[in-house]
Every structure is written in C-alpha cells, then in structure tokens.
Amino acid sequence: MTRKSHDVDAVVTWGLLAAWALHDTEEMVMVPRWVRTQVPELRKRFPRVPQTVWRRLESVDAREFSTAVAAMAVLLAAACADGQRTGGRSAVYQTALNAFGLHGLVHLAQAAAMRGYTPGSATTPLVVLPFTVWARGRLRRSGVLRPTRPRQLAEGLGFAAVATVATHALAQAVPRRR
C-alpha cells in the first residue's frame, strides 16, 4: 500500500504501544508492593467496600498480573497495527488511544482520592497524557481524527474497562504451576 501524504507516521500509531509499555512497566513494578502496603489502610478508609474486593485484590500475584499485562499488550498491538494499516483512521485505534488517555485521568483521580501515589499515577502526567494529546494532534492535523463527542469518550472508557476486566479474567483462568 502506498502511503498517502495525509497518513500519520508509525510513531503515532505504534507510539501508543510504546507509551503504554512505559506506563505499564511502572504498574508492574509498583503494584505488588503498593497492594501489600496500602490495602490494610484502604480497608480502614473505605469500610463499606466488601471484604471480597480486598481479598481479590490481595490475591493477584505477580504471575497473574504479568499475564494480564501481556494480554493487554496483544490487544493494544492489534489496535496499533490497525491504526498503522489505515493511516490512523481506524476507529479501533482511535478508541484505544482515547481509552489510554482517559484511563490516565482515572489514575490521577485515584491518586487524588488516595491523597498520594497510586500505581500508574507517576507516568500518567509524564507519558500517558502528553502522548495522547500529541497523537490526537497529529491525527487532527492529518485530517483523520474522528470527532470527539461524549459517545467517543464513553466508548474509550468502556474499551479500557472491558479490556482490563477481560485481560484479568483471562489471567485468572490461566492455570497456576504447582
């Protein structure tokens, strides 16, 4: 396929996967320790949250979390490949890009609610939000950015939520070695 002048560069499409990898590296490094140290405090601060939620959070081991991250990488790689194939026009790619940025806002809201650090909140202002704004700007200048309306924001949040739940469910279903 010949590249059209209004298509975006691979750094815009595949850059999403690279930015996500940097961000999720922070999460992979920080989640186990953060869960260990913060869940007891969270139980006290949020007594109405069912104990099953806290137990489930504490039960996620490094293998399960790594498997979920790997599954998410596959989903994002597919979205980025579709973005590259379509010169950035892909609705799947643009939804994944929106999801990435919106999930960063969720990280910042979590950190604000906790009044401190939460895994993912350090790379959000350094990587997630700047990349999302930059990539959307490149898509806009190339004339391929779909209009962003409340529906697209809901789709982005929905994509992030469904992908997170699905990848963690898959990771939980992978048999553990004994």
C-alpha atoms as a PDB file:
ATOM      1  CA  MET A   1       0.000   0.000   0.000  1.00  0.00           C
ATOM      2  CA  THR A   2       1.419   3.382  -0.896  1.00  0.00           C
ATOM      3  CA  ARG A   3       1.438   5.913   1.868  1.00  0.00           C
ATOM      4  CA  LYS A   4      -0.754   8.964   1.355  1.00  0.00           C
ATOM      5  CA  SER A   5       0.595  12.350   2.424  1.00  0.00           C
ATOM      6  CA  HIS A   6      -2.203  12.745   4.965  1.00  0.00           C
ATOM      7  CA  ASP A   7      -1.500   9.404   6.651  1.00  0.00           C
ATOM      8  CA  VAL A   8       0.221   9.538  10.004  1.00  0.00           C
ATOM      9  CA  ASP A   9       3.664   8.165  10.769  1.00  0.00           C
ATOM     10  CA  ALA A  10       4.229   4.899  12.584  1.00  0.00           C
ATOM     11  CA  VAL A  11       5.403   6.860  15.622  1.00  0.00           C
ATOM     12  CA  VAL A  12       1.784   7.978  16.099  1.00  0.00           C
ATOM     13  CA  THR A  13       0.241   4.540  15.737  1.00  0.00           C
ATOM     14  CA  TRP A  14       2.941   2.275  17.196  1.00  0.00           C
ATOM     15  CA  GLY A  15       3.892   5.007  19.662  1.00  0.00           C
ATOM     16  CA  LEU A  16       0.714   4.164  21.555  1.00  0.00           C
ATOM     17  CA  LEU A  17       2.089   0.694  22.267  1.00  0.00           C
ATOM     18  CA  ALA A  18       5.461   2.149  23.335  1.00  0.00           C
ATOM     19  CA  ALA A  19       3.837   4.741  25.629  1.00  0.00           C
ATOM     20  CA  TRP A  20       1.592   2.067  27.108  1.00  0.00           C
ATOM     21  CA  ALA A  21       4.621  -0.211  27.709  1.00  0.00           C
ATOM     22  CA  LEU A  22       6.427   2.545  29.638  1.00  0.00           C
ATOM     23  CA  HIS A  23       3.320   3.212  31.684  1.00  0.00           C
ATOM     24  CA  ASP A  24       2.605  -0.436  32.415  1.00  0.00           C
ATOM     25  CA  THR A  25       6.223  -1.023  33.424  1.00  0.00           C
ATOM     26  CA  GLU A  26       5.568   1.365  36.297  1.00  0.00           C
ATOM     27  CA  GLU A  27       2.462  -0.592  37.224  1.00  0.00           C
ATOM     28  CA  MET A  28       4.222  -3.968  37.031  1.00  0.00           C
ATOM     29  CA  VAL A  29       6.995  -2.733  39.301  1.00  0.00           C
ATOM     30  CA  MET A  30       4.794  -0.912  41.793  1.00  0.00           C
ATOM     31  CA  VAL A  31       1.503  -2.825  42.092  1.00  0.00           C
ATOM     32  CA  PRO A  32       2.687  -5.771  44.254  1.00  0.00           C
ATOM     33  CA  ARG A  33       4.334  -3.585  46.902  1.00  0.00           C
ATOM     34  CA  TRP A  34       1.555  -0.980  46.786  1.00  0.00           C
ATOM     35  CA  VAL A  35      -1.145  -3.610  47.317  1.00  0.00           C
ATOM     36  CA  ARG A  36       0.804  -5.143  50.199  1.00  0.00           C
ATOM     37  CA  THR A  37       1.286  -1.821  51.964  1.00  0.00           C
ATOM     38  CA  GLN A  38      -1.921   0.022  51.092  1.00  0.00           C
ATOM     39  CA  VAL A  39      -4.776  -2.496  51.277  1.00  0.00           C
ATOM     40  CA  PRO A  40      -4.794  -2.534  55.093  1.00  0.00           C
ATOM     41  CA  GLU A  41      -5.140   1.260  55.061  1.00  0.00           C
ATOM     42  CA  LEU A  42      -7.772   1.135  52.334  1.00  0.00           C
ATOM     43  CA  ARG A  43      -9.840  -1.304  54.372  1.00  0.00           C
ATOM     44  CA  LYS A  44      -9.912   1.231  57.209  1.00  0.00           C
ATOM     45  CA  ARG A  45     -10.626   4.235  54.987  1.00  0.00           C
ATOM     46  CA  PHE A  46     -13.347   2.517  52.948  1.00  0.00           C
ATOM     47  CA  PRO A  47     -15.160   0.168  55.360  1.00  0.00           C
ATOM     48  CA  ARG A  48     -18.222  -0.138  53.102  1.00  0.00           C
ATOM     49  CA  VAL A  49     -16.228  -1.879  50.375  1.00  0.00           C
ATOM     50  CA  PRO A  50     -16.974  -5.610  50.629  1.00  0.00           C
ATOM     51  CA  GLN A  51     -14.136  -7.707  52.042  1.00  0.00           C
ATOM     52  CA  THR A  52     -14.270  -9.902  48.946  1.00  0.00           C
ATOM     53  CA  VAL A  53     -12.964  -6.925  46.938  1.00  0.00           C
ATOM     54  CA  TRP A  54      -9.955  -6.546  49.231  1.00  0.00           C
ATOM     55  CA  ARG A  55      -9.282 -10.286  49.268  1.00  0.00           C
ATOM     56  CA  ARG A  56      -9.434 -10.433  45.476  1.00  0.00           C
ATOM     57  CA  LEU A  57      -7.040  -7.508  45.179  1.00  0.00           C
ATOM     58  CA  GLU A  58      -4.610  -9.136  47.607  1.00  0.00           C
ATOM     59  CA  SER A  59      -4.821 -12.466  45.776  1.00  0.00           C
ATOM     60  CA  VAL A  60      -3.460 -11.111  42.481  1.00  0.00           C
ATOM     61  CA  ASP A  61       0.068 -12.438  42.310  1.00  0.00           C
ATOM     62  CA  ALA A  62       2.888 -11.294  40.039  1.00  0.00           C
ATOM     63  CA  ARG A  63       2.222 -14.107  37.537  1.00  0.00           C
ATOM     64  CA  GLU A  64      -1.443 -13.229  37.188  1.00  0.00           C
ATOM     65  CA  PHE A  65      -0.736  -9.509  36.880  1.00  0.00           C
ATOM     66  CA  SER A  66       2.015 -10.118  34.299  1.00  0.00           C
ATOM     67  CA  THR A  67      -0.307 -12.352  32.282  1.00  0.00           C
ATOM     68  CA  ALA A  68      -2.997  -9.652  32.281  1.00  0.00           C
ATOM     69  CA  VAL A  69      -0.443  -7.067  31.151  1.00  0.00           C
ATOM     70  CA  ALA A  70       0.750  -9.378  28.356  1.00  0.00           C
ATOM     71  CA  ALA A  71      -2.838  -9.926  27.203  1.00  0.00           C
ATOM     72  CA  MET A  72      -3.405  -6.170  27.179  1.00  0.00           C
ATOM     73  CA  ALA A  73      -0.241  -5.775  25.104  1.00  0.00           C
ATOM     74  CA  VAL A  74      -1.723  -8.112  22.493  1.00  0.00           C
ATOM     75  CA  LEU A  75      -4.953  -6.066  22.377  1.00  0.00           C
ATOM     76  CA  LEU A  76      -3.067  -2.808  22.035  1.00  0.00           C
ATOM     77  CA  ALA A  77      -0.699  -4.219  19.422  1.00  0.00           C
ATOM     78  CA  ALA A  78      -3.725  -5.259  17.353  1.00  0.00           C
ATOM     79  CA  ALA A  79      -5.240  -1.767  17.681  1.00  0.00           C
ATOM     80  CA  CYS A  80      -1.914  -0.143  16.741  1.00  0.00           C
ATOM     81  CA  ALA A  81      -1.498  -2.454  13.744  1.00  0.00           C
ATOM     82  CA  ASP A  82      -4.975  -1.477  12.576  1.00  0.00           C
ATOM     83  CA  GLY A  83      -4.095   2.172  13.099  1.00  0.00           C
ATOM     84  CA  GLN A  84      -0.944   1.751  11.013  1.00  0.00           C
ATOM     85  CA  ARG A  85      -2.775  -0.179   8.305  1.00  0.00           C
ATOM     86  CA  THR A  86      -5.393   2.582   7.962  1.00  0.00           C
ATOM     87  CA  GLY A  87      -3.065   5.573   8.276  1.00  0.00           C
ATOM     88  CA  GLY A  88      -4.543   6.435  11.669  1.00  0.00           C
ATOM     89  CA  ARG A  89      -8.169   6.317  10.511  1.00  0.00           C
ATOM     90  CA  SER A  90      -9.072   3.104  12.335  1.00  0.00           C
ATOM     91  CA  ALA A  91     -11.925   3.525  14.802  1.00  0.00           C
ATOM     92  CA  VAL A  92     -10.353   0.728  16.855  1.00  0.00           C
ATOM     93  CA  TYR A  93      -7.013   2.561  17.045  1.00  0.00           C
ATOM     94  CA  GLN A  94      -8.622   5.909  17.861  1.00  0.00           C
ATOM     95  CA  THR A  95     -10.814   4.298  20.525  1.00  0.00           C
ATOM     96  CA  ALA A  96      -7.736   2.650  22.072  1.00  0.00           C
ATOM     97  CA  LEU A  97      -5.904   5.990  22.016  1.00  0.00           C
ATOM     98  CA  ASN A  98      -8.856   7.692  23.715  1.00  0.00           C
ATOM     99  CA  ALA A  99      -9.019   4.836  26.232  1.00  0.00           C
ATOM    100  CA  PHE A 100      -5.319   5.263  27.026  1.00  0.00           C
ATOM    101  CA  GLY A 101      -5.716   8.966  27.752  1.00  0.00           C
ATOM    102  CA  LEU A 102      -8.951   8.555  29.696  1.00  0.00           C
ATOM    103  CA  HIS A 103      -7.514   5.736  31.794  1.00  0.00           C
ATOM    104  CA  GLY A 104      -4.707   8.156  32.676  1.00  0.00           C
ATOM    105  CA  LEU A 105      -7.297  10.556  34.064  1.00  0.00           C
ATOM    106  CA  VAL A 106      -8.665   7.664  36.137  1.00  0.00           C
ATOM    107  CA  HIS A 107      -5.161   7.137  37.543  1.00  0.00           C
ATOM    108  CA  LEU A 108      -4.972  10.793  38.552  1.00  0.00           C
ATOM    109  CA  ALA A 109      -8.432  10.604  40.149  1.00  0.00           C
ATOM    110  CA  GLN A 110      -7.333   7.521  42.115  1.00  0.00           C
ATOM    111  CA  ALA A 111      -4.215   9.328  43.320  1.00  0.00           C
ATOM    112  CA  ALA A 112      -6.319  12.329  44.333  1.00  0.00           C
ATOM    113  CA  ALA A 113      -8.780  10.099  46.203  1.00  0.00           C
ATOM    114  CA  MET A 114      -5.883   8.367  47.967  1.00  0.00           C
ATOM    115  CA  ARG A 115      -4.162  11.709  48.592  1.00  0.00           C
ATOM    116  CA  GLY A 116      -0.933  10.186  47.364  1.00  0.00           C
ATOM    117  CA  TYR A 117       0.747   7.862  44.956  1.00  0.00           C
ATOM    118  CA  THR A 118      -1.098   5.027  43.228  1.00  0.00           C
ATOM    119  CA  PRO A 119       0.482   2.739  40.617  1.00  0.00           C
ATOM    120  CA  GLY A 120       0.320   4.435  37.242  1.00  0.00           C
ATOM    121  CA  SER A 121      -0.014   7.961  38.583  1.00  0.00           C
ATOM    122  CA  ALA A 122       3.669   8.837  38.068  1.00  0.00           C
ATOM    123  CA  THR A 123       3.813   8.056  34.349  1.00  0.00           C
ATOM    124  CA  THR A 124       0.368   9.477  33.609  1.00  0.00           C
ATOM    125  CA  PRO A 125       1.431  13.157  33.546  1.00  0.00           C
ATOM    126  CA  LEU A 126       4.822  12.283  32.020  1.00  0.00           C
ATOM    127  CA  VAL A 127       3.816   9.757  29.332  1.00  0.00           C
ATOM    128  CA  VAL A 128       0.103   8.915  29.094  1.00  0.00           C
ATOM    129  CA  LEU A 129      -1.444  12.361  28.817  1.00  0.00           C
ATOM    130  CA  PRO A 130       1.320  14.021  26.766  1.00  0.00           C
ATOM    131  CA  PHE A 131       1.397  11.146  24.274  1.00  0.00           C
ATOM    132  CA  THR A 132      -2.384  11.103  23.947  1.00  0.00           C
ATOM    133  CA  VAL A 133      -2.598  14.867  23.362  1.00  0.00           C
ATOM    134  CA  TRP A 134       0.326  14.764  20.905  1.00  0.00           C
ATOM    135  CA  ALA A 135      -1.022  11.769  18.943  1.00  0.00           C
ATOM    136  CA  ARG A 136      -4.524  13.242  18.751  1.00  0.00           C
ATOM    137  CA  GLY A 137      -2.992  16.481  17.486  1.00  0.00           C
ATOM    138  CA  ARG A 138      -1.097  14.607  14.775  1.00  0.00           C
ATOM    139  CA  LEU A 139      -4.277  12.757  13.776  1.00  0.00           C
ATOM    140  CA  ARG A 140      -6.180  16.056  13.695  1.00  0.00           C
ATOM    141  CA  ARG A 141      -3.533  17.790  11.559  1.00  0.00           C
ATOM    142  CA  SER A 142      -3.551  14.805   9.201  1.00  0.00           C
ATOM    143  CA  GLY A 143      -7.311  15.138   8.830  1.00  0.00           C
ATOM    144  CA  VAL A 144      -8.091  11.639  10.104  1.00  0.00           C
ATOM    145  CA  LEU A 145      -9.190  12.259  13.710  1.00  0.00           C
ATOM    146  CA  ARG A 146     -12.816  11.321  14.234  1.00  0.00           C
ATOM    147  CA  PRO A 147     -14.846  13.986  16.052  1.00  0.00           C
ATOM    148  CA  THR A 148     -14.751  13.512  19.801  1.00  0.00           C
ATOM    149  CA  ARG A 149     -18.211  13.569  21.259  1.00  0.00           C
ATOM    150  CA  PRO A 150     -19.498  12.164  24.529  1.00  0.00           C
ATOM    151  CA  ARG A 151     -20.173   8.871  22.761  1.00  0.00           C
ATOM    152  CA  GLN A 152     -16.489   8.511  21.799  1.00  0.00           C
ATOM    153  CA  LEU A 153     -15.452   9.282  25.372  1.00  0.00           C
ATOM    154  CA  ALA A 154     -17.869   6.629  26.651  1.00  0.00           C
ATOM    155  CA  GLU A 155     -16.507   4.169  24.076  1.00  0.00           C
ATOM    156  CA  GLY A 156     -12.953   4.912  25.220  1.00  0.00           C
ATOM    157  CA  LEU A 157     -13.799   4.400  28.889  1.00  0.00           C
ATOM    158  CA  GLY A 158     -15.781   1.289  28.017  1.00  0.00           C
ATOM    159  CA  PHE A 159     -12.889  -0.096  25.969  1.00  0.00           C
ATOM    160  CA  ALA A 160     -10.493   0.488  28.863  1.00  0.00           C
ATOM    161  CA  ALA A 161     -12.845  -1.099  31.390  1.00  0.00           C
ATOM    162  CA  VAL A 162     -13.775  -4.124  29.287  1.00  0.00           C
ATOM    163  CA  ALA A 163     -10.173  -4.732  28.224  1.00  0.00           C
ATOM    164  CA  THR A 164      -8.992  -4.547  31.840  1.00  0.00           C
ATOM    165  CA  VAL A 165     -11.673  -6.917  33.122  1.00  0.00           C
ATOM    166  CA  ALA A 166     -11.194  -9.330  30.209  1.00  0.00           C
ATOM    167  CA  THR A 167      -7.407  -9.481  30.478  1.00  0.00           C
ATOM    168  CA  HIS A 168      -7.555 -10.023  34.230  1.00  0.00           C
ATOM    169  CA  ALA A 169     -10.222 -12.719  33.801  1.00  0.00           C
ATOM    170  CA  LEU A 170      -8.026 -14.421  31.227  1.00  0.00           C
ATOM    171  CA  ALA A 171      -5.014 -14.170  33.534  1.00  0.00           C
ATOM    172  CA  GLN A 172      -7.004 -15.621  36.415  1.00  0.00           C
ATOM    173  CA  ALA A 173      -8.120 -18.533  34.230  1.00  0.00           C
ATOM    174  CA  VAL A 174      -4.549 -19.480  33.259  1.00  0.00           C
ATOM    175  CA  PRO A 175      -3.660 -22.493  35.391  1.00  0.00           C
ATOM    176  CA  ARG A 176      -1.033 -21.891  38.052  1.00  0.00           C
ATOM    177  CA  ARG A 177       2.020 -24.081  38.166  1.00  0.00           C
ATOM    178  CA  ARG A 178       2.436 -26.139  41.267  1.00  0.00           C
END
